Protein backbone atom coordinates (compact mmCIF):
# COMPACT_ATOMS: atom_id res chain seq x y z
CA MET A 1 0.16 -0.02 -0.08
CA ASN A 2 2.96 2.42 0.80
CA PHE A 3 4.46 1.73 -2.72
CA ILE A 4 1.15 2.69 -4.18
CA GLU A 5 0.88 6.00 -2.05
CA ASN A 6 4.68 6.67 -2.69
CA HIS A 7 4.13 6.24 -6.40
CA LEU A 8 0.61 7.64 -6.79
CA GLY A 9 1.61 10.21 -9.59
CA GLU A 10 3.14 7.69 -11.59
CA PHE A 11 0.11 5.23 -11.43
CA ALA A 12 -1.93 8.04 -12.32
CA ALA A 13 0.07 8.90 -15.11
CA LEU A 14 0.08 5.25 -16.37
CA LEU A 15 -3.71 5.37 -16.27
CA THR A 16 -3.67 8.50 -18.20
CA ALA A 17 -1.77 6.84 -21.17
CA PHE A 18 -4.33 4.01 -20.83
CA PHE A 19 -7.31 6.60 -21.27
CA TRP A 20 -5.64 8.62 -24.06
CA THR A 21 -5.17 5.42 -26.11
CA VAL A 22 -8.77 4.64 -26.13
CA THR A 23 -9.28 8.35 -26.69
CA SER A 24 -7.04 8.58 -29.66
CA LEU A 25 -8.75 5.59 -31.35
CA SER A 26 -12.29 6.94 -30.87
CA PHE A 27 -11.31 10.46 -32.21
CA GLU A 28 -9.41 9.06 -35.01
CA SER A 29 -12.58 7.29 -36.15
CA ALA A 30 -14.85 10.09 -35.13
CA SER A 31 -12.68 12.54 -37.40
CA HIS A 32 -13.31 10.57 -40.44
CA LYS A 33 -17.17 10.67 -39.97
CA ILE A 34 -17.52 14.46 -38.77
CA GLY A 35 -14.28 16.31 -39.33
CA SER A 36 -11.39 16.94 -37.12
CA VAL A 37 -12.46 20.61 -36.02
CA ALA A 38 -15.91 19.47 -35.11
CA VAL A 39 -14.47 16.66 -33.00
CA ASN A 40 -11.92 18.90 -31.15
CA PHE A 41 -14.53 21.24 -30.15
CA LEU A 42 -17.31 18.93 -29.34
CA ARG A 43 -15.08 16.58 -27.28
CA LEU A 44 -14.68 19.74 -24.99
CA ILE A 45 -18.42 20.32 -24.77
CA ILE A 46 -19.31 16.88 -23.66
CA GLY A 47 -15.97 16.47 -21.50
CA LEU A 48 -17.18 19.53 -19.55
CA THR A 49 -20.74 17.89 -19.37
CA PHE A 50 -19.11 14.57 -17.77
CA LEU A 51 -17.03 16.54 -15.34
CA SER A 52 -19.95 18.89 -14.34
CA VAL A 53 -22.13 15.81 -13.32
CA PHE A 54 -19.31 14.21 -11.61
CA THR A 55 -18.09 17.28 -9.63
CA LEU A 56 -21.85 18.00 -8.68
CA ILE A 57 -22.25 14.44 -7.17
CA ARG A 58 -18.73 14.38 -5.72
CA ARG A 59 -18.13 17.94 -4.34
CA GLY A 60 -21.59 19.67 -4.70
CA PHE A 61 -20.30 22.19 -7.25
CA ILE A 62 -21.60 21.81 -10.63
CA LEU A 63 -19.00 24.16 -11.81
CA PRO A 64 -15.61 25.27 -10.11
CA ALA A 65 -17.23 28.21 -8.22
CA ASP A 66 -14.98 27.85 -5.23
CA ALA A 67 -11.61 28.14 -7.24
CA SER A 68 -9.40 31.13 -6.60
CA TYR A 69 -8.53 34.06 -9.18
CA GLU A 70 -4.99 32.29 -9.29
CA ASN A 71 -6.60 29.03 -10.14
CA TRP A 72 -8.75 30.47 -12.72
CA ILE A 73 -6.02 32.51 -14.44
CA TRP A 74 -3.06 29.79 -14.55
CA LEU A 75 -5.43 26.91 -15.35
CA SER A 76 -7.22 28.90 -18.12
CA LEU A 77 -3.96 29.87 -19.82
CA SER A 78 -3.02 26.10 -19.52
CA GLY A 79 -6.14 25.31 -21.28
CA LEU A 80 -5.44 27.90 -24.05
CA VAL A 81 -2.01 26.48 -24.55
CA GLY A 82 -2.46 22.95 -24.47
CA PHE A 83 -5.98 22.28 -25.81
CA VAL A 84 -5.96 25.00 -28.47
CA PHE A 85 -2.46 26.24 -29.48
CA GLY A 86 -0.82 22.95 -28.76
CA ASP A 87 -3.27 20.91 -30.61
CA LEU A 88 -3.69 23.21 -33.63
CA PHE A 89 0.27 23.27 -34.13
CA LEU A 90 0.06 19.40 -33.88
CA PHE A 91 -2.83 19.03 -36.47
CA LYS A 92 -1.27 21.42 -38.74
CA SER A 93 2.08 19.39 -38.68
CA TYR A 94 0.02 16.07 -39.61
CA THR A 95 -1.06 18.00 -42.72
CA ILE A 96 2.57 18.83 -43.62
CA ILE A 97 4.80 16.08 -42.54
CA GLY A 98 2.45 13.39 -41.60
CA SER A 99 1.37 12.01 -38.45
CA ARG A 100 4.13 9.59 -37.89
CA PHE A 101 6.78 12.16 -38.16
CA SER A 102 4.97 14.50 -35.99
CA MET A 103 4.51 11.77 -33.19
CA LEU A 104 7.99 11.23 -33.46
CA ILE A 105 8.72 15.00 -32.61
CA MET A 106 6.18 14.95 -29.91
CA THR A 107 8.53 12.42 -28.01
CA LEU A 108 10.45 15.46 -27.01
CA VAL A 109 7.30 16.52 -24.83
CA PRO A 110 8.86 14.91 -21.69
CA PRO A 111 12.53 16.67 -21.86
CA ILE A 112 10.58 20.09 -22.71
CA THR A 113 8.19 19.70 -19.92
CA ALA A 114 11.19 18.75 -17.78
CA PHE A 115 12.70 22.18 -18.87
CA PHE A 116 9.56 24.02 -18.31
CA SER A 117 8.79 22.48 -14.82
CA PHE A 118 12.58 23.50 -13.75
CA ILE A 119 12.19 27.24 -15.13
CA ILE A 120 8.65 27.59 -13.70
CA LEU A 121 8.10 25.40 -10.70
CA GLY A 122 12.05 24.72 -9.75
CA GLU A 123 11.70 20.96 -10.25
CA ARG A 124 14.95 19.11 -10.63
CA LEU A 125 15.31 15.50 -11.98
CA THR A 126 18.08 13.03 -10.88
CA LEU A 127 20.29 11.33 -13.46
CA PHE A 128 18.47 8.10 -12.90
CA HIS A 129 15.25 10.04 -14.08
CA TYR A 130 16.87 11.30 -17.01
CA LEU A 131 18.03 7.69 -17.88
CA GLY A 132 14.33 6.43 -17.59
CA MET A 133 13.21 9.49 -19.67
CA THR A 134 15.77 8.60 -22.41
CA LEU A 135 14.95 5.01 -22.46
CA THR A 136 11.22 5.61 -22.63
CA PHE A 137 11.17 8.02 -25.50
CA SER A 138 13.76 5.99 -27.49
CA GLY A 139 11.38 3.03 -27.15
CA ILE A 140 8.54 5.17 -28.19
CA ALA A 141 10.48 6.39 -31.02
CA MET A 142 11.26 2.92 -32.24
CA ALA A 143 7.89 1.90 -32.40
CA ILE A 144 6.88 4.79 -34.32
CA PHE A 145 9.71 4.90 -36.70
CA SER A 146 9.13 1.10 -37.36
CA ARG A 147 5.71 1.64 -39.20
CA THR A 148 5.46 3.51 -42.24
CA GLY A 149 1.95 5.30 -42.63
CA LYS A 150 0.00 5.33 -45.73
CA GLY A 151 1.69 7.67 -48.35
CA GLU A 152 4.52 8.29 -45.97
CA LYS A 153 7.72 7.35 -47.36
CA LEU A 154 10.84 7.12 -44.89
CA SER A 155 12.90 10.19 -45.77
CA LEU A 156 14.90 13.01 -43.65
CA LYS A 157 13.70 15.66 -46.23
CA LEU A 158 10.89 17.05 -44.21
CA ALA A 159 9.39 20.54 -44.43
CA PRO A 160 10.85 22.99 -41.84
CA LYS A 161 7.55 24.41 -41.46
CA GLY A 162 6.00 21.15 -40.50
CA ILE A 163 8.75 20.41 -37.95
CA LEU A 164 8.30 23.75 -36.69
CA TYR A 165 4.68 23.24 -36.26
CA ALA A 166 5.32 20.01 -34.32
CA PHE A 167 7.76 21.37 -32.19
CA GLY A 168 4.96 23.98 -31.43
CA GLY A 169 2.59 21.14 -30.89
CA ALA A 170 4.94 19.69 -28.51
CA ALA A 171 5.92 22.69 -26.60
CA GLY A 172 2.18 23.79 -26.47
CA GLN A 173 1.48 20.25 -24.57
CA ALA A 174 4.52 20.82 -22.31
CA LEU A 175 3.77 24.13 -21.23
CA GLY A 176 0.26 23.40 -20.87
CA LEU A 177 1.04 20.56 -18.49
CA VAL A 178 3.56 22.57 -16.31
CA LEU A 179 1.05 25.44 -16.41
CA SER A 180 -1.48 23.19 -14.95
CA LYS A 181 0.38 22.29 -11.90
CA PHE A 182 1.62 25.81 -11.31
CA GLY A 183 -2.20 26.81 -11.20
CA LEU A 184 -3.36 23.55 -9.57
CA LYS A 185 -1.70 24.13 -6.07
CA ASP A 186 -4.16 22.17 -3.59
CA TYR A 187 -7.27 22.52 -5.65
CA ASP A 188 -9.24 19.41 -6.89
CA PRO A 189 -7.87 18.04 -9.98
CA PHE A 190 -11.43 17.48 -11.60
CA ALA A 191 -12.52 20.88 -11.02
CA ALA A 192 -9.32 22.03 -12.18
CA THR A 193 -10.02 20.16 -15.28
CA GLN A 194 -13.19 21.99 -15.70
CA ILE A 195 -11.47 25.36 -15.94
CA ARG A 196 -9.06 24.27 -18.42
CA ILE A 197 -11.76 22.85 -20.57
CA ILE A 198 -13.81 26.02 -20.26
CA ALA A 199 -10.82 27.94 -21.46
CA GLY A 200 -10.27 25.44 -24.42
CA ILE A 201 -14.30 25.82 -25.34
CA PHE A 202 -13.90 29.47 -25.67
CA GLY A 203 -10.60 29.21 -27.69
CA TYR A 204 -12.27 26.65 -29.97
CA ALA A 205 -15.28 28.73 -30.38
CA MET A 206 -13.26 31.85 -31.69
CA LEU A 207 -11.47 29.37 -33.91
CA VAL A 208 -14.71 27.78 -35.34
CA THR A 209 -16.05 31.39 -35.88
CA VAL A 210 -12.84 32.57 -37.83
CA LEU A 211 -12.91 29.50 -39.96
CA PHE A 212 -16.72 29.52 -40.67
CA ARG A 213 -17.36 26.02 -39.35
CA TRP A 214 -20.44 26.36 -37.09
CA GLY A 215 -22.30 24.63 -40.14
CA ASN A 216 -20.02 21.60 -39.74
CA VAL A 217 -20.16 21.56 -36.34
CA LEU A 218 -23.99 21.57 -36.29
CA LYS A 219 -24.05 18.98 -38.82
CA ALA A 220 -21.79 16.68 -36.84
CA THR A 221 -24.29 16.63 -34.10
CA ARG A 222 -27.02 14.86 -36.36
CA ASN A 223 -24.43 12.10 -37.11
CA LYS A 224 -25.13 9.47 -34.31
CA LYS A 225 -22.04 7.17 -34.84
CA GLY A 226 -19.97 9.95 -35.06
CA MET A 227 -21.21 11.54 -31.90
CA LEU A 228 -21.16 8.26 -30.20
CA LEU A 229 -17.38 7.84 -30.89
CA THR A 230 -16.73 11.37 -29.85
CA SER A 231 -18.65 10.93 -26.47
CA LEU A 232 -16.40 7.91 -25.75
CA GLY A 233 -13.31 9.81 -26.48
CA ALA A 234 -14.70 12.65 -24.38
CA PHE A 235 -15.35 10.21 -21.35
CA PHE A 236 -11.58 8.85 -21.59
CA GLY A 237 -9.90 12.05 -22.78
CA PRO A 238 -11.26 15.44 -21.26
CA PHE A 239 -13.03 13.88 -18.58
CA LEU A 240 -10.75 10.98 -17.22
CA GLY A 241 -7.45 11.45 -19.26
CA VAL A 242 -6.93 15.05 -18.46
CA SER A 243 -8.03 14.92 -14.76
CA PHE A 244 -5.72 11.95 -14.18
CA SER A 245 -3.04 13.90 -15.80
CA LEU A 246 -3.55 16.71 -13.21
CA ILE A 247 -3.50 14.13 -10.70
CA ALA A 248 -0.09 12.88 -12.19
CA VAL A 249 1.52 16.22 -11.92
CA LYS A 250 0.21 17.03 -8.40
CA TYR A 251 2.04 13.90 -6.86
CA THR A 252 5.11 13.71 -9.02
CA GLU A 253 7.35 15.77 -11.09
CA ALA A 254 6.04 17.04 -14.60
CA GLY A 255 8.81 15.64 -16.37
CA ILE A 256 8.30 12.15 -15.02
CA ALA A 257 4.49 12.46 -15.53
CA SER A 258 4.84 13.57 -19.16
CA THR A 259 7.07 10.77 -19.83
CA ILE A 260 4.87 7.76 -18.66
CA MET A 261 1.74 9.72 -20.29
CA ALA A 262 3.66 9.76 -23.69
CA LEU A 263 3.47 5.94 -23.67
CA VAL A 264 0.36 5.85 -25.83
CA PRO A 265 2.01 5.27 -29.37
CA VAL A 266 3.43 1.88 -27.22
CA PHE A 267 -0.05 1.05 -25.52
CA ILE A 268 -1.80 1.62 -29.11
CA ILE A 269 -0.06 -1.61 -30.66
CA LEU A 270 -2.27 -4.11 -29.12
CA PRO A 271 -5.37 -2.75 -30.06
CA ALA A 272 -4.11 -2.01 -33.73
CA ILE A 273 -3.24 -5.66 -33.86
CA VAL A 274 -6.65 -6.70 -32.54
CA MET A 275 -8.96 -3.95 -34.19
CA TYR A 276 -7.14 -3.51 -37.37
CA LYS A 277 -5.58 -6.49 -37.87
CA GLN A 278 -2.10 -4.73 -38.41
CA LYS A 279 1.15 -7.11 -38.44
CA VAL A 280 3.54 -5.91 -35.46
CA THR A 281 7.01 -5.49 -36.20
CA PHE A 282 10.10 -6.60 -34.35
CA ALA A 283 10.98 -3.13 -33.89
CA GLU A 284 7.61 -2.21 -32.29
CA ILE A 285 8.11 -5.16 -29.74
CA LEU A 286 11.74 -4.14 -28.97
CA GLY A 287 10.55 -0.39 -28.49
CA ALA A 288 7.73 -1.23 -26.43
CA ILE A 289 10.23 -3.29 -24.08
CA VAL A 290 12.70 -0.38 -24.08
CA SER A 291 9.99 2.23 -23.15
CA VAL A 292 8.31 0.00 -20.48
CA GLY A 293 11.88 -0.72 -19.15
CA GLY A 294 12.33 3.09 -18.81
CA VAL A 295 9.09 3.85 -17.09
CA ALA A 296 10.05 1.09 -14.70
CA LEU A 297 12.95 3.00 -13.65
CA PHE A 298 10.47 5.74 -12.14
CA PHE A 299 8.99 3.29 -9.57
CA ILE A 300 12.44 2.09 -8.12
């Protein structure tokens, strides 16, 4: 029991990675049916609904009315940086250099998070932690690079703009996580997630308005299968996943939490085999073993 209590943040990060694996599969399917802009906006609305019902039952507050101004400012900024700007840069990089190379660059999120957490929070990691971090994202990189996506050829001639967008996505995700911890303090992680999502909703609402996509969003709400998949993704993503990511950073260093949560490309291998009948490569198996070994170092 003491082992679990001593590593509560690390276990929360593992659960987050599992939740985000379900989310990524759900949102990928939903995006094919109703479009990525609609999915990204509706996931936040649905996620906020799940959270509001949960916090009403658990805390007696349907919205985070008991949060301090400091909570609202930093968590809102975190929501805008992580949910809106980070995701926008990442999705833009998909269209330029492809998802596989974008995901490879996203393996830099843990060290970027460690850098931001040192600057903003004063957190320091040991050499042992850095070894675990290096092993983990090296394994993740192996798993990603071993599989060639449709229409993607293995080439180092990547558009600089696409690389910059991917770095922007990585930096946005890392900074959003660190700002979450800074704004969280001793506040409830689920209520804190509500604040982040509310800020994200306002950000995406402005984006949808600028892009003239409200018609697409309204049309998407009439697609039953698309909405079901979006709701499933919202339950495991903005509701459980984001909330548990805040629990993770509350009880362990942001760099460690970010490293463990980055295991999604490894966790997704099994459902890809079972659901999509994809063949697993030796490099993917080896990458999974290396990354899991790296994560194990955080529990020693």
